[in-house]
């Protein structure tokens, strides 16, 4: 079992569940053909069964950004691991969607 950032145990994805694998593939195919609404809806439905599924979180975030839904994008972005958050931040910035970032640390004085 892997741990999510929140400390909750992330359920393992069962690669032997053909229904789940098929649904994730269909969500990705919908995204690839530009059906962002369909891709996001299916991804969110699957997240109800598989919370923390990074593949479906990424579809939900990316689709939401493309559709201009910053609130929903942020909701699912917050559930991603840090590396995926960084990638989605770059992708979503193309659609004028930005996410909260950590507060900057103290800056060093510059020499004159």
PDB file of N, CA and C in Angstrom:
ATOM      1  N   UNK A   1       0.831  -1.200   0.000  1.00  0.00           N
ATOM      2  CA  UNK A   1       0.000   0.000   0.000  1.00  0.00           C
ATOM      3  C   UNK A   1       0.866   1.251   0.000  1.00  0.00           C
ATOM      4  N   UNK A   2       0.424   2.212  -0.750  1.00  0.00           N
ATOM      5  CA  UNK A   2       1.138   3.491  -0.788  1.00  0.00           C
ATOM      6  C   UNK A   2       0.392   4.500   0.062  1.00  0.00           C
ATOM      7  N   UNK A   3       1.114   5.453   0.588  1.00  0.00           N
ATOM      8  CA  UNK A   3       0.479   6.500   1.375  1.00  0.00           C
ATOM      9  C   UNK A   3       0.319   7.750   0.542  1.00  0.00           C
ATOM     10  N   UNK A   4      -0.837   8.371   0.660  1.00  0.00           N
ATOM     11  CA  UNK A   4      -1.065   9.657   0.010  1.00  0.00           C
ATOM     12  C   UNK A   4      -0.499  10.744   0.909  1.00  0.00           C
ATOM     13  N   UNK A   5      -0.371  11.934   0.366  1.00  0.00           N
ATOM     14  CA  UNK A   5       0.172  13.057   1.129  1.00  0.00           C
ATOM     15  C   UNK A   5      -0.637  13.304   2.397  1.00  0.00           C
ATOM     16  N   UNK A   6      -1.926  13.033   2.363  1.00  0.00           N
ATOM     17  CA  UNK A   6      -2.772  13.262   3.530  1.00  0.00           C
ATOM     18  C   UNK A   6      -2.539  12.224   4.619  1.00  0.00           C
ATOM     19  N   UNK A   7      -1.799  11.164   4.288  1.00  0.00           N
ATOM     20  CA  UNK A   7      -1.552  10.119   5.253  1.00  0.00           C
ATOM     21  C   UNK A   7      -2.536   8.971   5.137  1.00  0.00           C
ATOM     22  N   UNK A   8      -3.566   9.125   4.313  1.00  0.00           N
ATOM     23  CA  UNK A   8      -4.544   8.055   4.123  1.00  0.00           C
ATOM     24  C   UNK A   8      -3.938   6.982   3.222  1.00  0.00           C
ATOM     25  N   UNK A   9      -4.311   5.755   3.471  1.00  0.00           N
ATOM     26  CA  UNK A   9      -3.809   4.668   2.641  1.00  0.00           C
ATOM     27  C   UNK A   9      -4.510   4.719   1.290  1.00  0.00           C
ATOM     28  N   UNK A  10      -3.718   4.692   0.237  1.00  0.00           N
ATOM     29  CA  UNK A  10      -4.264   4.701  -1.111  1.00  0.00           C
ATOM     30  C   UNK A  10      -4.540   3.265  -1.531  1.00  0.00           C
ATOM     31  N   UNK A  11      -5.774   2.984  -1.970  1.00  0.00           N
ATOM     32  CA  UNK A  11      -6.044   1.618  -2.382  1.00  0.00           C
ATOM     33  C   UNK A  11      -5.224   1.265  -3.620  1.00  0.00           C
ATOM     34  N   UNK A  12      -4.768   0.031  -3.664  1.00  0.00           N
ATOM     35  CA  UNK A  12      -4.018  -0.417  -4.831  1.00  0.00           C
ATOM     36  C   UNK A  12      -4.981  -0.591  -5.994  1.00  0.00           C
ATOM     37  N   UNK A  13      -4.532  -0.238  -7.177  1.00  0.00           N
ATOM     38  CA  UNK A  13      -5.347  -0.423  -8.368  1.00  0.00           C
ATOM     39  C   UNK A  13      -5.209  -1.880  -8.788  1.00  0.00           C
ATOM     40  N   UNK A  14      -6.335  -2.521  -8.968  1.00  0.00           N
ATOM     41  CA  UNK A  14      -6.325  -3.937  -9.326  1.00  0.00           C
ATOM     42  C   UNK A  14      -6.228  -4.073 -10.840  1.00  0.00           C
ATOM     43  N   UNK A  15      -5.040  -4.400 -11.353  1.00  0.00           N
ATOM     44  CA  UNK A  15      -4.882  -4.523 -12.799  1.00  0.00           C
ATOM     45  C   UNK A  15      -5.673  -5.692 -13.374  1.00  0.00           C
ATOM     46  N   UNK A  16      -6.163  -6.573 -12.495  1.00  0.00           N
ATOM     47  CA  UNK A  16      -6.954  -7.714 -12.945  1.00  0.00           C
ATOM     48  C   UNK A  16      -8.446  -7.392 -13.016  1.00  0.00           C
ATOM     49  N   UNK A  17      -8.815  -6.157 -12.702  1.00  0.00           N
ATOM     50  CA  UNK A  17     -10.221  -5.743 -12.780  1.00  0.00           C
ATOM     51  C   UNK A  17     -10.456  -5.175 -14.177  1.00  0.00           C
ATOM     52  N   UNK A  18     -10.944  -6.007 -15.109  1.00  0.00           N
ATOM     53  CA  UNK A  18     -11.076  -5.550 -16.498  1.00  0.00           C
ATOM     54  C   UNK A  18     -12.039  -4.382 -16.651  1.00  0.00           C
ATOM     55  N   UNK A  19     -13.040  -4.308 -15.784  1.00  0.00           N
ATOM     56  CA  UNK A  19     -13.998  -3.206 -15.864  1.00  0.00           C
ATOM     57  C   UNK A  19     -13.317  -1.876 -15.539  1.00  0.00           C
ATOM     58  N   UNK A  20     -12.501  -1.873 -14.499  1.00  0.00           N
ATOM     59  CA  UNK A  20     -11.782  -0.664 -14.103  1.00  0.00           C
ATOM     60  C   UNK A  20     -10.771  -0.259 -15.174  1.00  0.00           C
ATOM     61  N   UNK A  21      -9.994  -1.219 -15.635  1.00  0.00           N
ATOM     62  CA  UNK A  21      -8.985  -0.936 -16.652  1.00  0.00           C
ATOM     63  C   UNK A  21      -9.647  -0.394 -17.913  1.00  0.00           C
ATOM     64  N   UNK A  22     -10.755  -0.993 -18.323  1.00  0.00           N
ATOM     65  CA  UNK A  22     -11.478  -0.560 -19.508  1.00  0.00           C
ATOM     66  C   UNK A  22     -12.015   0.869 -19.334  1.00  0.00           C
ATOM     67  N   UNK A  23     -12.563   1.165 -18.170  1.00  0.00           N
ATOM     68  CA  UNK A  23     -13.113   2.496 -17.913  1.00  0.00           C
ATOM     69  C   UNK A  23     -12.012   3.553 -17.900  1.00  0.00           C
ATOM     70  N   UNK A  24     -10.856   3.226 -17.313  1.00  0.00           N
ATOM     71  CA  UNK A  24      -9.745   4.185 -17.317  1.00  0.00           C
ATOM     72  C   UNK A  24      -9.261   4.420 -18.745  1.00  0.00           C
ATOM     73  N   UNK A  25      -9.187   3.364 -19.531  1.00  0.00           N
ATOM     74  CA  UNK A  25      -8.766   3.494 -20.924  1.00  0.00           C
ATOM     75  C   UNK A  25      -9.763   4.356 -21.697  1.00  0.00           C
ATOM     76  N   UNK A  26     -11.052   4.155 -21.448  1.00  0.00           N
ATOM     77  CA  UNK A  26     -12.079   4.945 -22.136  1.00  0.00           C
ATOM     78  C   UNK A  26     -11.977   6.426 -21.753  1.00  0.00           C
ATOM     79  N   UNK A  27     -11.688   6.697 -20.489  1.00  0.00           N
ATOM     80  CA  UNK A  27     -11.513   8.083 -20.058  1.00  0.00           C
ATOM     81  C   UNK A  27     -10.340   8.728 -20.793  1.00  0.00           C
ATOM     82  N   UNK A  28      -9.233   7.990 -20.882  1.00  0.00           N
ATOM     83  CA  UNK A  28      -8.075   8.509 -21.608  1.00  0.00           C
ATOM     84  C   UNK A  28      -8.380   8.717 -23.094  1.00  0.00           C
ATOM     85  N   UNK A  29      -9.115   7.786 -23.704  1.00  0.00           N
ATOM     86  CA  UNK A  29      -9.461   7.920 -25.123  1.00  0.00           C
ATOM     87  C   UNK A  29     -10.359   9.138 -25.350  1.00  0.00           C
ATOM     88  N   UNK A  30     -11.312   9.361 -24.444  1.00  0.00           N
ATOM     89  CA  UNK A  30     -12.189  10.535 -24.557  1.00  0.00           C
ATOM     90  C   UNK A  30     -11.351  11.812 -24.494  1.00  0.00           C
ATOM     91  N   UNK A  31     -10.400  11.839 -23.580  1.00  0.00           N
ATOM     92  CA  UNK A  31      -9.514  13.005 -23.454  1.00  0.00           C
ATOM     93  C   UNK A  31      -8.728  13.207 -24.752  1.00  0.00           C
ATOM     94  N   UNK A  32      -8.164  12.114 -25.267  1.00  0.00           N
ATOM     95  CA  UNK A  32      -7.337  12.200 -26.480  1.00  0.00           C
ATOM     96  C   UNK A  32      -8.119  12.701 -27.685  1.00  0.00           C
ATOM     97  N   UNK A  33      -9.424  12.412 -27.740  1.00  0.00           N
ATOM     98  CA  UNK A  33     -10.207  12.875 -28.889  1.00  0.00           C
ATOM     99  C   UNK A  33     -10.865  14.233 -28.630  1.00  0.00           C
ATOM    100  N   UNK A  34     -10.528  14.848 -27.500  1.00  0.00           N
ATOM    101  CA  UNK A  34     -11.014  16.194 -27.216  1.00  0.00           C
ATOM    102  C   UNK A  34     -12.352  16.247 -26.505  1.00  0.00           C
ATOM    103  N   UNK A  35     -12.847  15.112 -26.030  1.00  0.00           N
ATOM    104  CA  UNK A  35     -14.094  15.079 -25.264  1.00  0.00           C
ATOM    105  C   UNK A  35     -13.734  15.257 -23.793  1.00  0.00           C
ATOM    106  N   UNK A  36     -13.351  16.493 -23.433  1.00  0.00           N
ATOM    107  CA  UNK A  36     -12.862  16.758 -22.087  1.00  0.00           C
ATOM    108  C   UNK A  36     -13.960  16.597 -21.037  1.00  0.00           C
ATOM    109  N   UNK A  37     -15.182  16.967 -21.398  1.00  0.00           N
ATOM    110  CA  UNK A  37     -16.288  16.823 -20.456  1.00  0.00           C
ATOM    111  C   UNK A  37     -16.544  15.345 -20.150  1.00  0.00           C
ATOM    112  N   UNK A  38     -16.571  14.510 -21.186  1.00  0.00           N
ATOM    113  CA  UNK A  38     -16.777  13.080 -21.001  1.00  0.00           C
ATOM    114  C   UNK A  38     -15.621  12.436 -20.250  1.00  0.00           C
ATOM    115  N   UNK A  39     -14.409  12.823 -20.601  1.00  0.00           N
ATOM    116  CA  UNK A  39     -13.225  12.274 -19.938  1.00  0.00           C
ATOM    117  C   UNK A  39     -13.244  12.610 -18.456  1.00  0.00           C
ATOM    118  N   UNK A  40     -13.558  13.869 -18.150  1.00  0.00           N
ATOM    119  CA  UNK A  40     -13.578  14.302 -16.752  1.00  0.00           C
ATOM    120  C   UNK A  40     -14.689  13.591 -15.987  1.00  0.00           C
ATOM    121  N   UNK A  41     -15.871  13.495 -16.581  1.00  0.00           N
ATOM    122  CA  UNK A  41     -16.993  12.843 -15.892  1.00  0.00           C
ATOM    123  C   UNK A  41     -16.659  11.397 -15.552  1.00  0.00           C
ATOM    124  N   UNK A  42     -16.066  10.688 -16.492  1.00  0.00           N
ATOM    125  CA  UNK A  42     -15.713   9.294 -16.241  1.00  0.00           C
ATOM    126  C   UNK A  42     -14.587   9.192 -15.210  1.00  0.00           C
ATOM    127  N   UNK A  43     -13.608  10.088 -15.305  1.00  0.00           N
ATOM    128  CA  UNK A  43     -12.512  10.079 -14.331  1.00  0.00           C
ATOM    129  C   UNK A  43     -13.042  10.318 -12.917  1.00  0.00           C
ATOM    130  N   UNK A  44     -13.944  11.275 -12.769  1.00  0.00           N
ATOM    131  CA  UNK A  44     -14.493  11.580 -11.444  1.00  0.00           C
ATOM    132  C   UNK A  44     -15.308  10.397 -10.923  1.00  0.00           C
ATOM    133  N   UNK A  45     -16.057   9.762 -11.803  1.00  0.00           N
ATOM    134  CA  UNK A  45     -16.824   8.571 -11.406  1.00  0.00           C
ATOM    135  C   UNK A  45     -15.875   7.480 -10.905  1.00  0.00           C
ATOM    136  N   UNK A  46     -14.784   7.267 -11.630  1.00  0.00           N
ATOM    137  CA  UNK A  46     -13.816   6.244 -11.222  1.00  0.00           C
ATOM    138  C   UNK A  46     -13.118   6.622  -9.925  1.00  0.00           C
ATOM    139  N   UNK A  47     -12.896   7.911  -9.702  1.00  0.00           N
ATOM    140  CA  UNK A  47     -12.271   8.342  -8.451  1.00  0.00           C
ATOM    141  C   UNK A  47     -13.166   8.039  -7.253  1.00  0.00           C
ATOM    142  N   UNK A  48     -14.467   7.955  -7.488  1.00  0.00           N
ATOM    143  CA  UNK A  48     -15.378   7.552  -6.420  1.00  0.00           C
ATOM    144  C   UNK A  48     -15.116   6.124  -5.984  1.00  0.00           C
ATOM    145  N   UNK A  49     -14.664   5.286  -6.910  1.00  0.00           N
ATOM    146  CA  UNK A  49     -14.355   3.892  -6.613  1.00  0.00           C
ATOM    147  C   UNK A  49     -12.893   3.701  -6.232  1.00  0.00           C
ATOM    148  N   UNK A  50     -12.027   4.521  -6.794  1.00  0.00           N
ATOM    149  CA  UNK A  50     -10.574   4.405  -6.596  1.00  0.00           C
ATOM    150  C   UNK A  50      -9.998   5.769  -6.197  1.00  0.00           C
ATOM    151  N   UNK A  51     -10.313   6.255  -4.996  1.00  0.00           N
ATOM    152  CA  UNK A  51      -9.766   7.557  -4.590  1.00  0.00           C
ATOM    153  C   UNK A  51      -8.237   7.524  -4.642  1.00  0.00           C
ATOM    154  N   UNK A  52      -7.648   8.582  -5.108  1.00  0.00           N
ATOM    155  CA  UNK A  52      -6.188   8.643  -5.166  1.00  0.00           C
ATOM    156  C   UNK A  52      -5.601   8.042  -6.425  1.00  0.00           C
ATOM    157  N   UNK A  53      -6.423   7.615  -7.375  1.00  0.00           N
ATOM    158  CA  UNK A  53      -5.935   7.057  -8.633  1.00  0.00           C
ATOM    159  C   UNK A  53      -5.296   8.199  -9.429  1.00  0.00           C
ATOM    160  N   UNK A  54      -3.968   8.212  -9.465  1.00  0.00           N
ATOM    161  CA  UNK A  54      -3.229   9.329 -10.054  1.00  0.00           C
ATOM    162  C   UNK A  54      -3.584   9.524 -11.531  1.00  0.00           C
ATOM    163  N   UNK A  55      -3.733   8.445 -12.243  1.00  0.00           N
ATOM    164  CA  UNK A  55      -4.069   8.550 -13.669  1.00  0.00           C
ATOM    165  C   UNK A  55      -5.388   9.301 -13.861  1.00  0.00           C
ATOM    166  N   UNK A  56      -6.405   8.971 -13.079  1.00  0.00           N
ATOM    167  CA  UNK A  56      -7.702   9.624 -13.213  1.00  0.00           C
ATOM    168  C   UNK A  56      -7.689  11.027 -12.612  1.00  0.00           C
ATOM    169  N   UNK A  57      -6.897  11.244 -11.568  1.00  0.00           N
ATOM    170  CA  UNK A  57      -6.748  12.597 -11.033  1.00  0.00           C
ATOM    171  C   UNK A  57      -6.164  13.524 -12.096  1.00  0.00           C
ATOM    172  N   UNK A  58      -5.171  13.026 -12.829  1.00  0.00           N
ATOM    173  CA  UNK A  58      -4.547  13.836 -13.884  1.00  0.00           C
ATOM    174  C   UNK A  58      -5.548  14.166 -14.995  1.00  0.00           C
ATOM    175  N   UNK A  59      -6.383  13.194 -15.365  1.00  0.00           N
ATOM    176  CA  UNK A  59      -7.405  13.452 -16.387  1.00  0.00           C
ATOM    177  C   UNK A  59      -8.388  14.511 -15.876  1.00  0.00           C
ATOM    178  N   UNK A  60      -8.815  14.378 -14.621  1.00  0.00           N
ATOM    179  CA  UNK A  60      -9.769  15.326 -14.049  1.00  0.00           C
ATOM    180  C   UNK A  60      -9.176  16.736 -13.999  1.00  0.00           C
ATOM    181  N   UNK A  61      -7.916  16.842 -13.597  1.00  0.00           N
ATOM    182  CA  UNK A  61      -7.272  18.151 -13.497  1.00  0.00           C
ATOM    183  C   UNK A  61      -7.084  18.757 -14.882  1.00  0.00           C
ATOM    184  N   UNK A  62      -6.484  18.001 -15.782  1.00  0.00           N
ATOM    185  CA  UNK A  62      -6.181  18.531 -17.111  1.00  0.00           C
ATOM    186  C   UNK A  62      -7.458  18.916 -17.856  1.00  0.00           C
ATOM    187  N   UNK A  63      -8.472  18.055 -17.817  1.00  0.00           N
ATOM    188  CA  UNK A  63      -9.738  18.354 -18.489  1.00  0.00           C
ATOM    189  C   UNK A  63     -10.368  19.612 -17.899  1.00  0.00           C
ATOM    190  N   UNK A  64     -10.346  19.724 -16.584  1.00  0.00           N
ATOM    191  CA  UNK A  64     -10.931  20.893 -15.927  1.00  0.00           C
ATOM    192  C   UNK A  64     -10.203  22.170 -16.339  1.00  0.00           C
ATOM    193  N   UNK A  65      -8.891  22.104 -16.446  1.00  0.00           N
ATOM    194  CA  UNK A  65      -8.123  23.280 -16.866  1.00  0.00           C
ATOM    195  C   UNK A  65      -8.499  23.690 -18.288  1.00  0.00           C
ATOM    196  N   UNK A  66      -8.551  22.730 -19.175  1.00  0.00           N
ATOM    197  CA  UNK A  66      -8.887  23.025 -20.571  1.00  0.00           C
ATOM    198  C   UNK A  66     -10.288  23.622 -20.660  1.00  0.00           C
ATOM    199  N   UNK A  67     -11.207  23.162 -19.817  1.00  0.00           N
ATOM    200  CA  UNK A  67     -12.586  23.643 -19.819  1.00  0.00           C
ATOM    201  C   UNK A  67     -12.733  24.953 -19.035  1.00  0.00           C
ATOM    202  N   UNK A  68     -11.650  25.413 -18.408  1.00  0.00           N
ATOM    203  CA  UNK A  68     -11.688  26.669 -17.667  1.00  0.00           C
ATOM    204  C   UNK A  68     -12.314  26.564 -16.293  1.00  0.00           C
ATOM    205  N   UNK A  69     -12.394  25.374 -15.745  1.00  0.00           N
ATOM    206  CA  UNK A  69     -12.993  25.159 -14.427  1.00  0.00           C
ATOM    207  C   UNK A  69     -11.883  25.067 -13.376  1.00  0.00           C
ATOM    208  N   UNK A  70     -11.385  26.230 -12.960  1.00  0.00           N
ATOM    209  CA  UNK A  70     -10.255  26.282 -12.036  1.00  0.00           C
ATOM    210  C   UNK A  70     -10.590  25.682 -10.673  1.00  0.00           C
ATOM    211  N   UNK A  71     -11.826  25.845 -10.212  1.00  0.00           N
ATOM    212  CA  UNK A  71     -12.202  25.328  -8.893  1.00  0.00           C
ATOM    213  C   UNK A  71     -12.117  23.804  -8.853  1.00  0.00           C
ATOM    214  N   UNK A  72     -12.685  23.156  -9.869  1.00  0.00           N
ATOM    215  CA  UNK A  72     -12.639  21.697  -9.901  1.00  0.00           C
ATOM    216  C   UNK A  72     -11.212  21.206 -10.154  1.00  0.00           C
ATOM    217  N   UNK A  73     -10.479  21.902 -11.014  1.00  0.00           N
ATOM    218  CA  UNK A  73      -9.086  21.528 -11.269  1.00  0.00           C
ATOM    219  C   UNK A  73      -8.285  21.569  -9.965  1.00  0.00           C
ATOM    220  N   UNK A  74      -8.487  22.618  -9.182  1.00  0.00           N
ATOM    221  CA  UNK A  74      -7.760  22.772  -7.922  1.00  0.00           C
ATOM    222  C   UNK A  74      -8.128  21.676  -6.926  1.00  0.00           C
ATOM    223  N   UNK A  75      -9.399  21.305  -6.883  1.00  0.00           N
ATOM    224  CA  UNK A  75      -9.850  20.248  -5.971  1.00  0.00           C
ATOM    225  C   UNK A  75      -9.077  18.949  -6.227  1.00  0.00           C
ATOM    226  N   UNK A  76      -8.954  18.570  -7.484  1.00  0.00           N
ATOM    227  CA  UNK A  76      -8.287  17.307  -7.801  1.00  0.00           C
ATOM    228  C   UNK A  76      -6.768  17.458  -7.825  1.00  0.00           C
ATOM    229  N   UNK A  77      -6.268  18.630  -8.188  1.00  0.00           N
ATOM    230  CA  UNK A  77      -4.826  18.900  -8.170  1.00  0.00           C
ATOM    231  C   UNK A  77      -4.275  18.701  -6.758  1.00  0.00           C
ATOM    232  N   UNK A  78      -5.033  19.138  -5.757  1.00  0.00           N
ATOM    233  CA  UNK A  78      -4.592  19.046  -4.360  1.00  0.00           C
ATOM    234  C   UNK A  78      -4.411  17.595  -3.906  1.00  0.00           C
ATOM    235  N   UNK A  79      -5.010  16.648  -4.617  1.00  0.00           N
ATOM    236  CA  UNK A  79      -4.916  15.237  -4.246  1.00  0.00           C
ATOM    237  C   UNK A  79      -3.762  14.519  -4.942  1.00  0.00           C
ATOM    238  N   UNK A  80      -3.088  15.210  -5.852  1.00  0.00           N
ATOM    239  CA  UNK A  80      -1.986  14.599  -6.596  1.00  0.00           C
ATOM    240  C   UNK A  80      -0.683  14.615  -5.800  1.00  0.00           C
ATOM    241  N   UNK A  81       0.202  13.662  -6.056  1.00  0.00           N
ATOM    242  CA  UNK A  81       1.553  13.727  -5.480  1.00  0.00           C
ATOM    243  C   UNK A  81       2.282  14.965  -6.021  1.00  0.00           C
ATOM    244  N   UNK A  82       3.278  15.421  -5.297  1.00  0.00           N
ATOM    245  CA  UNK A  82       3.983  16.667  -5.634  1.00  0.00           C
ATOM    246  C   UNK A  82       4.513  16.696  -7.070  1.00  0.00           C
ATOM    247  N   UNK A  83       5.102  15.609  -7.538  1.00  0.00           N
ATOM    248  CA  UNK A  83       5.657  15.594  -8.900  1.00  0.00           C
ATOM    249  C   UNK A  83       4.561  15.796  -9.940  1.00  0.00           C
ATOM    250  N   UNK A  84       3.408  15.166  -9.720  1.00  0.00           N
ATOM    251  CA  UNK A  84       2.288  15.328 -10.644  1.00  0.00           C
ATOM    252  C   UNK A  84       1.687  16.721 -10.536  1.00  0.00           C
ATOM    253  N   UNK A  85       1.671  17.274  -9.323  1.00  0.00           N
ATOM    254  CA  UNK A  85       1.204  18.650  -9.161  1.00  0.00           C
ATOM    255  C   UNK A  85       2.054  19.596  -9.990  1.00  0.00           C
ATOM    256  N   UNK A  86       3.362  19.404  -9.959  1.00  0.00           N
ATOM    257  CA  UNK A  86       4.263  20.270 -10.718  1.00  0.00           C
ATOM    258  C   UNK A  86       3.973  20.169 -12.219  1.00  0.00           C
ATOM    259  N   UNK A  87       3.801  18.958 -12.715  1.00  0.00           N
ATOM    260  CA  UNK A  87       3.509  18.774 -14.140  1.00  0.00           C
ATOM    261  C   UNK A  87       2.168  19.388 -14.523  1.00  0.00           C
ATOM    262  N   UNK A  88       1.159  19.181 -13.701  1.00  0.00           N
ATOM    263  CA  UNK A  88      -0.174  19.727 -13.996  1.00  0.00           C
ATOM    264  C   UNK A  88      -0.173  21.246 -13.889  1.00  0.00           C
ATOM    265  N   UNK A  89       0.642  21.804 -13.002  1.00  0.00           N
ATOM    266  CA  UNK A  89       0.740  23.264 -12.891  1.00  0.00           C
ATOM    267  C   UNK A  89       1.251  23.866 -14.193  1.00  0.00           C
ATOM    268  N   UNK A  90       2.249  23.218 -14.781  1.00  0.00           N
ATOM    269  CA  UNK A  90       2.796  23.696 -16.055  1.00  0.00           C
ATOM    270  C   UNK A  90       1.746  23.564 -17.154  1.00  0.00           C
ATOM    271  N   UNK A  91       1.116  22.400 -17.242  1.00  0.00           N
ATOM    272  CA  UNK A  91       0.106  22.171 -18.276  1.00  0.00           C
ATOM    273  C   UNK A  91      -1.050  23.159 -18.152  1.00  0.00           C
ATOM    274  N   UNK A  92      -1.543  23.351 -16.939  1.00  0.00           N
ATOM    275  CA  UNK A  92      -2.713  24.201 -16.743  1.00  0.00           C
ATOM    276  C   UNK A  92      -2.411  25.683 -16.907  1.00  0.00           C
ATOM    277  N   UNK A  93      -1.160  26.062 -16.717  1.00  0.00           N
ATOM    278  CA  UNK A  93      -0.816  27.475 -16.902  1.00  0.00           C
ATOM    279  C   UNK A  93      -1.074  27.906 -18.347  1.00  0.00           C
ATOM    280  N   UNK A  94      -1.023  26.955 -19.290  1.00  0.00           N
ATOM    281  CA  UNK A  94      -1.322  27.253 -20.696  1.00  0.00           C
ATOM    282  C   UNK A  94      -2.775  27.689 -20.878  1.00  0.00           C
ATOM    283  N   UNK A  95      -3.622  27.317 -19.924  1.00  0.00           N
ATOM    284  CA  UNK A  95      -5.048  27.639 -20.001  1.00  0.00           C
ATOM    285  C   UNK A  95      -5.434  28.676 -18.941  1.00  0.00           C
ATOM    286  N   UNK A  96      -4.434  29.412 -18.468  1.00  0.00           N
ATOM    287  CA  UNK A  96      -4.610  30.472 -17.476  1.00  0.00           C
ATOM    288  C   UNK A  96      -5.223  29.963 -16.175  1.00  0.00           C
ATOM    289  N   UNK A  97      -4.889  28.734 -15.799  1.00  0.00           N
ATOM    290  CA  UNK A  97      -5.312  28.179 -14.511  1.00  0.00           C
ATOM    291  C   UNK A  97      -4.047  27.980 -13.689  1.00  0.00           C
ATOM    292  N   UNK A  98      -4.046  28.559 -12.496  1.00  0.00           N
ATOM    293  CA  UNK A  98      -2.894  28.384 -11.613  1.00  0.00           C
ATOM    294  C   UNK A  98      -3.383  27.816 -10.287  1.00  0.00           C
ATOM    295  N   UNK A  99      -2.451  27.210  -9.571  1.00  0.00           N
ATOM    296  CA  UNK A  99      -2.776  26.534  -8.330  1.00  0.00           C
ATOM    297  C   UNK A  99      -2.035  27.203  -7.181  1.00  0.00           C
ATOM    298  N   UNK A 100      -2.533  26.990  -5.957  1.00  0.00           N
ATOM    299  CA  UNK A 100      -1.829  27.566  -4.801  1.00  0.00           C
ATOM    300  C   UNK A 100      -0.435  26.963  -4.688  1.00  0.00           C
ATOM    301  N   UNK A 101       0.483  27.771  -4.262  1.00  0.00           N
ATOM    302  CA  UNK A 101       1.847  27.289  -4.071  1.00  0.00           C
ATOM    303  C   UNK A 101       2.245  27.555  -2.632  1.00  0.00           C
ATOM    304  N   UNK A 102       3.289  26.901  -2.228  1.00  0.00           N
ATOM    305  CA  UNK A 102       3.795  27.118  -0.872  1.00  0.00           C
ATOM    306  C   UNK A 102       4.285  28.555  -0.744  1.00  0.00           C
ATOM    307  N   UNK A 103       4.160  29.083   0.433  1.00  0.00           N
ATOM    308  CA  UNK A 103       4.636  30.441   0.667  1.00  0.00           C
ATOM    309  C   UNK A 103       6.137  30.482   0.471  1.00  0.00           C
ATOM    310  N   UNK A 104       6.625  31.526  -0.195  1.00  0.00           N
ATOM    311  CA  UNK A 104       8.083  31.592  -0.411  1.00  0.00           C
ATOM    312  C   UNK A 104       8.807  31.761   0.923  1.00  0.00           C
ATOM    313  N   UNK A 105       9.964  31.185   0.977  1.00  0.00           N
ATOM    314  CA  UNK A 105      10.778  31.300   2.195  1.00  0.00           C
ATOM    315  C   UNK A 105      11.432  32.670   2.264  1.00  0.00           C
ATOM    316  N   UNK A 106      12.166  32.927   3.332  1.00  0.00           N
ATOM    317  CA  UNK A 106      12.830  34.231   3.450  1.00  0.00           C
ATOM    318  C   UNK A 106      13.862  34.394   2.348  1.00  0.00           C
ATOM    319  N   UNK A 107      13.998  35.606   1.870  1.00  0.00           N
ATOM    320  CA  UNK A 107      14.969  35.863   0.809  1.00  0.00           C
ATOM    321  C   UNK A 107      16.246  36.401   1.414  1.00  0.00           C
ATOM    322  N   UNK A 108      17.321  36.130   0.737  1.00  0.00           N
ATOM    323  CA  UNK A 108      18.621  36.615   1.188  1.00  0.00           C
ATOM    324  C   UNK A 108      18.806  38.036   0.699  1.00  0.00           C
ATOM    325  N   UNK A 109      19.384  38.905   1.507  1.00  0.00           N
ATOM    326  CA  UNK A 109      19.628  40.271   1.025  1.00  0.00           C
ATOM    327  C   UNK A 109      20.628  40.230  -0.132  1.00  0.00           C
ATOM    328  N   UNK A 110      20.426  41.100  -1.076  1.00  0.00           N
ATOM    329  CA  UNK A 110      21.347  41.140  -2.229  1.00  0.00           C
ATOM    330  C   UNK A 110      22.486  42.090  -1.912  1.00  0.00           C
ATOM    331  N   UNK A 111      23.640  41.761  -2.463  1.00  0.00           N
ATOM    332  CA  UNK A 111      24.802  42.623  -2.260  1.00  0.00           C
ATOM    333  C   UNK A 111      24.733  43.795  -3.233  1.00  0.00           C
ATOM    334  N   UNK A 112      25.235  44.927  -2.799  1.00  0.00           N
ATOM    335  CA  UNK A 112      25.245  46.108  -3.658  1.00  0.00           C
ATOM    336  C   UNK A 112      26.640  46.475  -4.030  1.00  0.00           C
TER     337      UNK A 112
END
